[in-house]
C-alpha atoms as a PDB file:
ATOM      1  CA  UNK A   1     -12.425 -15.145  -5.860  1.00  0.00           C
ATOM      2  CA  UNK A   2     -12.558 -11.800  -7.407  1.00  0.00           C
ATOM      3  CA  UNK A   3     -11.547  -8.583  -5.447  1.00  0.00           C
ATOM      4  CA  UNK A   4     -13.239  -5.533  -6.202  1.00  0.00           C
ATOM      5  CA  UNK A   5     -10.891  -3.213  -8.080  1.00  0.00           C
ATOM      6  CA  UNK A   6     -11.478  -0.530  -5.666  1.00  0.00           C
ATOM      7  CA  UNK A   7      -9.791  -2.494  -2.766  1.00  0.00           C
ATOM      8  CA  UNK A   8      -6.712  -3.621  -4.906  1.00  0.00           C
ATOM      9  CA  UNK A   9      -6.140   0.176  -5.724  1.00  0.00           C
ATOM     10  CA  UNK A  10      -6.344   0.873  -2.085  1.00  0.00           C
ATOM     11  CA  UNK A  11      -4.245  -1.909  -0.842  1.00  0.00           C
ATOM     12  CA  UNK A  12      -1.512  -0.806  -3.723  1.00  0.00           C
ATOM     13  CA  UNK A  13      -1.827   2.654  -2.731  1.00  0.00           C
ATOM     14  CA  UNK A  14      -1.295   1.883   1.235  1.00  0.00           C
ATOM     15  CA  UNK A  15       1.587  -0.420   0.318  1.00  0.00           C
ATOM     16  CA  UNK A  16       3.498   2.269  -1.856  1.00  0.00           C
ATOM     17  CA  UNK A  17       2.616   4.826   1.238  1.00  0.00           C
ATOM     18  CA  UNK A  18       4.163   2.204   3.692  1.00  0.00           C
ATOM     19  CA  UNK A  19       7.266   1.808   1.346  1.00  0.00           C
ATOM     20  CA  UNK A  20       7.620   5.675   1.206  1.00  0.00           C
ATOM     21  CA  UNK A  21       7.179   5.723   5.071  1.00  0.00           C
ATOM     22  CA  UNK A  22      10.056   3.001   5.454  1.00  0.00           C
ATOM     23  CA  UNK A  23      12.206   4.888   3.249  1.00  0.00           C
ATOM     24  CA  UNK A  24      11.822   7.944   5.557  1.00  0.00           C
ATOM     25  CA  UNK A  25      11.617   6.147   9.102  1.00  0.00           C
ATOM     26  CA  UNK A  26      13.313   2.738   8.134  1.00  0.00           C
ATOM     27  CA  UNK A  27      10.255   1.106   9.382  1.00  0.00           C
ATOM     28  CA  UNK A  28       6.809   0.141   8.311  1.00  0.00           C
END
């Protein structure tokens, strides 16, 4: 199963954004 790189990049960016928000609000 191969996932398009665009989807992987989007998921990675979303995950990093979620980590940043969790640091700010202590929640995800």
